[in-house]
Protein backbone atom coordinates (compact mmCIF):
# COMPACT_ATOMS: atom_id res chain seq x y z
CA MET A 1 180.51 99.15 176.88
CA LYS A 2 178.72 102.49 176.98
CA ALA A 3 176.05 103.44 179.82
CA ASN A 4 172.06 104.23 178.01
CA VAL A 5 171.84 107.35 179.18
CA SER A 6 169.26 109.77 178.06
CA LYS A 7 169.44 112.67 177.50
CA PRO A 8 167.30 115.68 179.79
CA ALA A 9 163.63 115.91 177.93
CA GLU A 10 163.88 119.27 176.17
CA LYS A 11 161.62 122.25 176.51
CA LYS A 12 159.51 122.24 173.65
CA ALA A 13 158.45 126.31 172.85
CA ALA A 14 154.97 127.06 172.96
CA PRO A 15 152.99 127.23 169.83
CA ARG A 16 153.33 130.52 167.52
CA PRO A 17 149.95 132.45 168.57
CA LEU A 18 147.83 131.93 165.33
CA ILE A 19 147.07 136.06 164.81
CA LEU A 20 151.00 136.53 164.86
CA GLU A 21 151.45 134.28 162.10
CA ILE A 22 148.24 135.67 160.46
CA ASP A 23 150.16 139.15 160.48
CA ASP A 24 152.91 138.42 159.33
CA ALA A 25 151.88 136.29 156.53
CA LYS A 26 149.86 139.28 155.20
CA ALA A 27 153.13 141.32 155.56
CA GLU A 28 154.66 139.02 152.80
CA ILE A 29 152.13 139.05 150.64
CA ALA A 30 152.07 142.79 150.81
CA GLN A 31 155.87 142.98 150.16
CA SER A 32 155.96 140.47 147.80
CA VAL A 33 152.44 142.06 145.72
CA ASN A 34 154.61 145.91 146.26
CA ASN A 35 158.06 144.08 145.35
CA ALA A 36 155.77 143.39 141.44
CA LEU A 37 154.99 146.56 141.25
CA LYS A 38 158.37 147.99 141.91
CA ARG A 39 159.31 145.96 138.58
CA GLY A 40 157.05 147.79 136.59
CA LEU A 41 154.42 145.54 135.81
CA PRO A 42 151.03 147.34 135.19
CA CYS A 43 148.36 146.36 137.72
CA TYR A 44 145.39 144.46 135.27
CA ILE A 45 148.77 142.17 134.86
CA VAL A 46 149.12 141.94 138.59
CA ALA A 47 145.37 141.80 139.48
CA ASP A 48 145.32 138.66 136.50
CA ILE A 49 148.59 136.38 138.76
CA LEU A 50 146.84 137.30 141.41
CA GLU A 51 143.26 136.31 141.08
CA ASN A 52 145.70 132.73 139.58
CA ILE A 53 147.08 132.67 143.25
CA LEU A 54 143.83 132.85 144.82
CA GLY A 55 142.23 130.19 142.37
CA GLN A 56 145.33 127.88 143.82
CA VAL A 57 144.45 128.82 147.14
CA ARG A 58 140.81 128.83 147.54
CA GLY A 59 141.20 125.65 146.01
CA GLY A 60 143.08 123.97 148.69
CA ALA A 61 140.86 125.30 151.09
CA ARG A 62 138.33 122.83 149.64
CA ASN A 63 140.32 119.71 150.00
CA GLU A 64 141.08 121.14 153.02
CA LEU A 65 137.29 121.57 154.36
CA ALA A 66 137.01 118.23 152.53
CA ALA A 67 139.58 116.43 154.37
CA ALA A 68 138.41 117.93 157.86
CA LYS A 69 135.01 117.22 157.11
CA GLU A 70 136.21 113.51 155.50
CA GLN A 71 138.46 113.05 159.60
CA GLU A 72 135.42 114.31 161.54
CA GLU A 73 132.92 111.89 159.90
CA LYS A 74 135.81 109.35 160.41
CA SER A 75 135.88 110.08 164.22
CA LYS A 76 132.47 109.70 164.87
CA GLU A 77 131.72 106.68 163.27
CA GLU A 78 134.47 105.50 165.34
CA VAL A 79 133.17 106.54 168.69
CA GLU A 80 130.02 104.94 167.66
CA GLU A 81 131.38 101.86 167.03
């Protein structure tokens, strides 16, 4: 019969600072745009692609905001009960 020996708790790394995540995301986006331009696509086509992507991101942001507001309302209701 095996003894039930638990492993020592592993230390979790601290979350990465948001400013570093933002900087990495900005660099990745810029690199992707530059790569698209290197393909020889005209800027007006790349601009149209970016507008479409931005619209999708803005839609996601609206959904996140609505979900956060809904969660806040639920939390307030639970506290009031």
